[in-house]
Amino acid sequence: MDEILQKLAEQKAKIDAIYKSVEKTRKYFLITLIASAAFIILPLIALLFVIPSFIKTITGNGLGL
């Protein structure tokens, strides 16, 4: 009986270690996803403001167009 309880305790310790590792990996992927989205979405939002200003500057200088 002691042997079974000892094996169960060892399995519990291993499962706890696996859980901690999985949680660290999940957090890493979440941070990576947020950073990737920020590096793609924020420049697109900035372009929404920059492109009209750029076009206005190009066409408003009286280049004869």
PDB file of N, CA and C in Angstrom:
ATOM      1  N   MET A   1       0.815  -1.190   0.000  1.00  0.00           N
ATOM      2  CA  MET A   1       0.000   0.000   0.000  1.00  0.00           C
ATOM      3  C   MET A   1       0.862   1.259   0.000  1.00  0.00           C
ATOM      4  N   ASP A   2       1.966   1.211   0.768  1.00  0.00           N
ATOM      5  CA  ASP A   2       2.866   2.364   0.803  1.00  0.00           C
ATOM      6  C   ASP A   2       3.464   2.649  -0.568  1.00  0.00           C
ATOM      7  N   GLU A   3       3.734   1.568  -1.289  1.00  0.00           N
ATOM      8  CA  GLU A   3       4.336   1.727  -2.617  1.00  0.00           C
ATOM      9  C   GLU A   3       3.381   2.458  -3.562  1.00  0.00           C
ATOM     10  N   ILE A   4       2.111   2.142  -3.489  1.00  0.00           N
ATOM     11  CA  ILE A   4       1.116   2.793  -4.348  1.00  0.00           C
ATOM     12  C   ILE A   4       0.998   4.271  -3.989  1.00  0.00           C
ATOM     13  N   LEU A   5       0.963   4.564  -2.705  1.00  0.00           N
ATOM     14  CA  LEU A   5       0.869   5.961  -2.273  1.00  0.00           C
ATOM     15  C   LEU A   5       2.112   6.752  -2.687  1.00  0.00           C
ATOM     16  N   GLN A   6       3.256   6.105  -2.623  1.00  0.00           N
ATOM     17  CA  GLN A   6       4.497   6.764  -3.030  1.00  0.00           C
ATOM     18  C   GLN A   6       4.465   7.060  -4.531  1.00  0.00           C
ATOM     19  N   LYS A   7       4.008   6.108  -5.329  1.00  0.00           N
ATOM     20  CA  LYS A   7       3.928   6.325  -6.778  1.00  0.00           C
ATOM     21  C   LYS A   7       2.916   7.416  -7.104  1.00  0.00           C
ATOM     22  N   LEU A   8       1.804   7.448  -6.388  1.00  0.00           N
ATOM     23  CA  LEU A   8       0.817   8.513  -6.597  1.00  0.00           C
ATOM     24  C   LEU A   8       1.397   9.883  -6.259  1.00  0.00           C
ATOM     25  N   ALA A   9       2.176   9.959  -5.206  1.00  0.00           N
ATOM     26  CA  ALA A   9       2.809  11.226  -4.825  1.00  0.00           C
ATOM     27  C   ALA A   9       3.813  11.662  -5.888  1.00  0.00           C
ATOM     28  N   GLU A  10       4.557  10.708  -6.437  1.00  0.00           N
ATOM     29  CA  GLU A  10       5.515  11.033  -7.503  1.00  0.00           C
ATOM     30  C   GLU A  10       4.787  11.526  -8.749  1.00  0.00           C
ATOM     31  N   GLN A  11       3.678  10.865  -9.097  1.00  0.00           N
ATOM     32  CA  GLN A  11       2.901  11.293 -10.260  1.00  0.00           C
ATOM     33  C   GLN A  11       2.324  12.688 -10.049  1.00  0.00           C
ATOM     34  N   LYS A  12       1.856  12.965  -8.845  1.00  0.00           N
ATOM     35  CA  LYS A  12       1.312  14.292  -8.545  1.00  0.00           C
ATOM     36  C   LYS A  12       2.388  15.358  -8.710  1.00  0.00           C
ATOM     37  N   ALA A  13       3.581  15.079  -8.244  1.00  0.00           N
ATOM     38  CA  ALA A  13       4.681  16.038  -8.373  1.00  0.00           C
ATOM     39  C   ALA A  13       5.018  16.279  -9.849  1.00  0.00           C
ATOM     40  N   LYS A  14       5.038  15.206 -10.635  1.00  0.00           N
ATOM     41  CA  LYS A  14       5.337  15.351 -12.057  1.00  0.00           C
ATOM     42  C   LYS A  14       4.239  16.104 -12.778  1.00  0.00           C
ATOM     43  N   ILE A  15       2.980  15.836 -12.442  1.00  0.00           N
ATOM     44  CA  ILE A  15       1.859  16.534 -13.070  1.00  0.00           C
ATOM     45  C   ILE A  15       1.899  18.017 -12.715  1.00  0.00           C
ATOM     46  N   ASP A  16       2.243  18.338 -11.483  1.00  0.00           N
ATOM     47  CA  ASP A  16       2.359  19.747 -11.084  1.00  0.00           C
ATOM     48  C   ASP A  16       3.467  20.447 -11.875  1.00  0.00           C
ATOM     49  N   ALA A  17       4.576  19.756 -12.073  1.00  0.00           N
ATOM     50  CA  ALA A  17       5.674  20.341 -12.849  1.00  0.00           C
ATOM     51  C   ALA A  17       5.261  20.563 -14.301  1.00  0.00           C
ATOM     52  N   ILE A  18       4.538  19.618 -14.868  1.00  0.00           N
ATOM     53  CA  ILE A  18       4.059  19.756 -16.244  1.00  0.00           C
ATOM     54  C   ILE A  18       3.095  20.924 -16.339  1.00  0.00           C
ATOM     55  N   TYR A  19       2.208  21.067 -15.371  1.00  0.00           N
ATOM     56  CA  TYR A  19       1.237  22.167 -15.363  1.00  0.00           C
ATOM     57  C   TYR A  19       1.941  23.523 -15.342  1.00  0.00           C
ATOM     58  N   LYS A  20       2.956  23.643 -14.501  1.00  0.00           N
ATOM     59  CA  LYS A  20       3.708  24.901 -14.438  1.00  0.00           C
ATOM     60  C   LYS A  20       4.377  25.211 -15.774  1.00  0.00           C
ATOM     61  N   SER A  21       4.940  24.196 -16.385  1.00  0.00           N
ATOM     62  CA  SER A  21       5.600  24.378 -17.677  1.00  0.00           C
ATOM     63  C   SER A  21       4.602  24.791 -18.754  1.00  0.00           C
ATOM     64  N   VAL A  22       3.440  24.158 -18.759  1.00  0.00           N
ATOM     65  CA  VAL A  22       2.411  24.487 -19.746  1.00  0.00           C
ATOM     66  C   VAL A  22       1.915  25.916 -19.542  1.00  0.00           C
ATOM     67  N   GLU A  23       1.749  26.343 -18.317  1.00  0.00           N
ATOM     68  CA  GLU A  23       1.293  27.713 -18.046  1.00  0.00           C
ATOM     69  C   GLU A  23       2.330  28.740 -18.513  1.00  0.00           C
ATOM     70  N   LYS A  24       3.605  28.452 -18.305  1.00  0.00           N
ATOM     71  CA  LYS A  24       4.648  29.364 -18.787  1.00  0.00           C
ATOM     72  C   LYS A  24       4.619  29.456 -20.310  1.00  0.00           C
ATOM     73  N   THR A  25       4.436  28.313 -20.965  1.00  0.00           N
ATOM     74  CA  THR A  25       4.375  28.294 -22.431  1.00  0.00           C
ATOM     75  C   THR A  25       3.156  29.053 -22.929  1.00  0.00           C
ATOM     76  N   ARG A  26       2.015  28.888 -22.265  1.00  0.00           N
ATOM     77  CA  ARG A  26       0.788  29.585 -22.650  1.00  0.00           C
ATOM     78  C   ARG A  26       0.974  31.094 -22.532  1.00  0.00           C
ATOM     79  N   LYS A  27       1.572  31.541 -21.443  1.00  0.00           N
ATOM     80  CA  LYS A  27       1.813  32.977 -21.257  1.00  0.00           C
ATOM     81  C   LYS A  27       2.774  33.509 -22.313  1.00  0.00           C
ATOM     82  N   TYR A  28       3.789  32.720 -22.647  1.00  0.00           N
ATOM     83  CA  TYR A  28       4.743  33.132 -23.680  1.00  0.00           C
ATOM     84  C   TYR A  28       4.039  33.311 -25.022  1.00  0.00           C
ATOM     85  N   PHE A  29       3.181  32.353 -25.378  1.00  0.00           N
ATOM     86  CA  PHE A  29       2.451  32.462 -26.649  1.00  0.00           C
ATOM     87  C   PHE A  29       1.489  33.641 -26.635  1.00  0.00           C
ATOM     88  N   LEU A  30       0.862  33.910 -25.508  1.00  0.00           N
ATOM     89  CA  LEU A  30      -0.055  35.042 -25.409  1.00  0.00           C
ATOM     90  C   LEU A  30       0.686  36.358 -25.599  1.00  0.00           C
ATOM     91  N   ILE A  31       1.831  36.505 -24.957  1.00  0.00           N
ATOM     92  CA  ILE A  31       2.630  37.727 -25.108  1.00  0.00           C
ATOM     93  C   ILE A  31       3.110  37.864 -26.549  1.00  0.00           C
ATOM     94  N   THR A  32       3.520  36.769 -27.155  1.00  0.00           N
ATOM     95  CA  THR A  32       3.957  36.800 -28.550  1.00  0.00           C
ATOM     96  C   THR A  32       2.817  37.211 -29.474  1.00  0.00           C
ATOM     97  N   LEU A  33       1.624  36.699 -29.223  1.00  0.00           N
ATOM     98  CA  LEU A  33       0.459  37.058 -30.033  1.00  0.00           C
ATOM     99  C   LEU A  33       0.130  38.541 -29.898  1.00  0.00           C
ATOM    100  N   ILE A  34       0.155  39.051 -28.688  1.00  0.00           N
ATOM    101  CA  ILE A  34      -0.148  40.466 -28.464  1.00  0.00           C
ATOM    102  C   ILE A  34       0.903  41.348 -29.128  1.00  0.00           C
ATOM    103  N   ALA A  35       2.170  40.993 -28.990  1.00  0.00           N
ATOM    104  CA  ALA A  35       3.238  41.788 -29.604  1.00  0.00           C
ATOM    105  C   ALA A  35       3.134  41.748 -31.129  1.00  0.00           C
ATOM    106  N   SER A  36       2.859  40.593 -31.686  1.00  0.00           N
ATOM    107  CA  SER A  36       2.722  40.486 -33.142  1.00  0.00           C
ATOM    108  C   SER A  36       1.560  41.333 -33.641  1.00  0.00           C
ATOM    109  N   ALA A  37       0.446  41.273 -32.946  1.00  0.00           N
ATOM    110  CA  ALA A  37      -0.714  42.076 -33.338  1.00  0.00           C
ATOM    111  C   ALA A  37      -0.387  43.561 -33.243  1.00  0.00           C
ATOM    112  N   ALA A  38       0.335  43.949 -32.207  1.00  0.00           N
ATOM    113  CA  ALA A  38       0.684  45.358 -32.048  1.00  0.00           C
ATOM    114  C   ALA A  38       1.594  45.827 -33.183  1.00  0.00           C
ATOM    115  N   PHE A  39       2.525  45.004 -33.584  1.00  0.00           N
ATOM    116  CA  PHE A  39       3.449  45.408 -34.642  1.00  0.00           C
ATOM    117  C   PHE A  39       2.796  45.397 -36.022  1.00  0.00           C
ATOM    118  N   ILE A  40       1.644  44.769 -36.163  1.00  0.00           N
ATOM    119  CA  ILE A  40       0.939  44.765 -37.451  1.00  0.00           C
ATOM    120  C   ILE A  40      -0.196  45.788 -37.447  1.00  0.00           C
ATOM    121  N   ILE A  41      -0.994  45.802 -36.396  1.00  0.00           N
ATOM    122  CA  ILE A  41      -2.194  46.640 -36.368  1.00  0.00           C
ATOM    123  C   ILE A  41      -1.865  48.113 -36.136  1.00  0.00           C
ATOM    124  N   LEU A  42      -0.951  48.419 -35.234  1.00  0.00           N
ATOM    125  CA  LEU A  42      -0.638  49.825 -34.962  1.00  0.00           C
ATOM    126  C   LEU A  42      -0.081  50.565 -36.179  1.00  0.00           C
ATOM    127  N   PRO A  43       0.813  49.987 -36.964  1.00  0.00           N
ATOM    128  CA  PRO A  43       1.240  50.685 -38.176  1.00  0.00           C
ATOM    129  C   PRO A  43       0.107  50.877 -39.184  1.00  0.00           C
ATOM    130  N   LEU A  44      -0.815  49.916 -39.274  1.00  0.00           N
ATOM    131  CA  LEU A  44      -1.955  50.075 -40.182  1.00  0.00           C
ATOM    132  C   LEU A  44      -2.839  51.241 -39.742  1.00  0.00           C
ATOM    133  N   ILE A  45      -3.049  51.373 -38.452  1.00  0.00           N
ATOM    134  CA  ILE A  45      -3.835  52.497 -37.941  1.00  0.00           C
ATOM    135  C   ILE A  45      -3.109  53.811 -38.211  1.00  0.00           C
ATOM    136  N   ALA A  46      -1.807  53.824 -38.031  1.00  0.00           N
ATOM    137  CA  ALA A  46      -1.031  55.038 -38.305  1.00  0.00           C
ATOM    138  C   ALA A  46      -1.114  55.420 -39.777  1.00  0.00           C
ATOM    139  N   LEU A  47      -1.121  54.427 -40.659  1.00  0.00           N
ATOM    140  CA  LEU A  47      -1.211  54.709 -42.092  1.00  0.00           C
ATOM    141  C   LEU A  47      -2.539  55.362 -42.455  1.00  0.00           C
ATOM    142  N   LEU A  48      -3.595  55.060 -41.715  1.00  0.00           N
ATOM    143  CA  LEU A  48      -4.884  55.689 -41.971  1.00  0.00           C
ATOM    144  C   LEU A  48      -4.812  57.213 -41.795  1.00  0.00           C
ATOM    145  N   PHE A  49      -3.916  57.673 -40.945  1.00  0.00           N
ATOM    146  CA  PHE A  49      -3.758  59.112 -40.718  1.00  0.00           C
ATOM    147  C   PHE A  49      -2.662  59.713 -41.593  1.00  0.00           C
ATOM    148  N   VAL A  50      -1.635  58.949 -41.882  1.00  0.00           N
ATOM    149  CA  VAL A  50      -0.488  59.472 -42.625  1.00  0.00           C
ATOM    150  C   VAL A  50      -0.775  59.574 -44.120  1.00  0.00           C
ATOM    151  N   ILE A  51      -1.409  58.588 -44.701  1.00  0.00           N
ATOM    152  CA  ILE A  51      -1.638  58.583 -46.153  1.00  0.00           C
ATOM    153  C   ILE A  51      -2.510  59.760 -46.605  1.00  0.00           C
ATOM    154  N   PRO A  52      -3.631  60.057 -45.947  1.00  0.00           N
ATOM    155  CA  PRO A  52      -4.398  61.235 -46.389  1.00  0.00           C
ATOM    156  C   PRO A  52      -3.604  62.540 -46.262  1.00  0.00           C
ATOM    157  N   SER A  53      -2.838  62.661 -45.214  1.00  0.00           N
ATOM    158  CA  SER A  53      -2.008  63.853 -45.041  1.00  0.00           C
ATOM    159  C   SER A  53      -0.961  63.933 -46.142  1.00  0.00           C
ATOM    160  N   PHE A  54      -0.368  62.816 -46.473  1.00  0.00           N
ATOM    161  CA  PHE A  54       0.643  62.769 -47.526  1.00  0.00           C
ATOM    162  C   PHE A  54       0.031  63.130 -48.871  1.00  0.00           C
ATOM    163  N   ILE A  55      -1.132  62.588 -49.172  1.00  0.00           N
ATOM    164  CA  ILE A  55      -1.798  62.885 -50.444  1.00  0.00           C
ATOM    165  C   ILE A  55      -2.170  64.364 -50.501  1.00  0.00           C
ATOM    166  N   LYS A  56      -2.640  64.911 -49.394  1.00  0.00           N
ATOM    167  CA  LYS A  56      -3.006  66.326 -49.347  1.00  0.00           C
ATOM    168  C   LYS A  56      -1.779  67.201 -49.592  1.00  0.00           C
ATOM    169  N   THR A  57      -0.645  66.821 -49.039  1.00  0.00           N
ATOM    170  CA  THR A  57       0.571  67.580 -49.226  1.00  0.00           C
ATOM    171  C   THR A  57       1.035  67.502 -50.690  1.00  0.00           C
ATOM    172  N   ILE A  58       0.977  66.332 -51.276  1.00  0.00           N
ATOM    173  CA  ILE A  58       1.409  66.151 -52.654  1.00  0.00           C
ATOM    174  C   ILE A  58       0.529  66.947 -53.605  1.00  0.00           C
ATOM    175  N   THR A  59      -0.778  66.845 -53.443  1.00  0.00           N
ATOM    176  CA  THR A  59      -1.688  67.499 -54.392  1.00  0.00           C
ATOM    177  C   THR A  59      -1.888  68.975 -54.086  1.00  0.00           C
ATOM    178  N   GLY A  60      -1.574  69.432 -52.907  1.00  0.00           N
ATOM    179  CA  GLY A  60      -1.822  70.819 -52.519  1.00  0.00           C
ATOM    180  C   GLY A  60      -0.652  71.750 -52.806  1.00  0.00           C
ATOM    181  N   ASN A  61       0.438  71.268 -53.325  1.00  0.00           N
ATOM    182  CA  ASN A  61       1.607  72.109 -53.554  1.00  0.00           C
ATOM    183  C   ASN A  61       1.561  72.820 -54.896  1.00  0.00           C
ATOM    184  N   GLY A  62       0.512  72.623 -55.680  1.00  0.00           N
ATOM    185  CA  GLY A  62       0.429  73.290 -56.972  1.00  0.00           C
ATOM    186  C   GLY A  62       1.461  72.776 -57.942  1.00  0.00           C
ATOM    187  N   LEU A  63       1.564  71.487 -58.063  1.00  0.00           N
ATOM    188  CA  LEU A  63       2.551  70.899 -58.964  1.00  0.00           C
ATOM    189  C   LEU A  63       2.081  70.918 -60.412  1.00  0.00           C
ATOM    190  N   GLY A  64       0.964  71.558 -60.673  1.00  0.00           N
ATOM    191  CA  GLY A  64       0.471  71.622 -62.031  1.00  0.00           C
ATOM    192  C   GLY A  64      -0.337  70.417 -62.438  1.00  0.00           C
ATOM    193  N   LEU A  65      -0.795  69.678 -61.486  1.00  0.00           N
ATOM    194  CA  LEU A  65      -1.602  68.494 -61.786  1.00  0.00           C
ATOM    195  C   LEU A  65      -3.061  68.811 -61.731  1.00  0.00           C
TER     196      LEU A  65
END
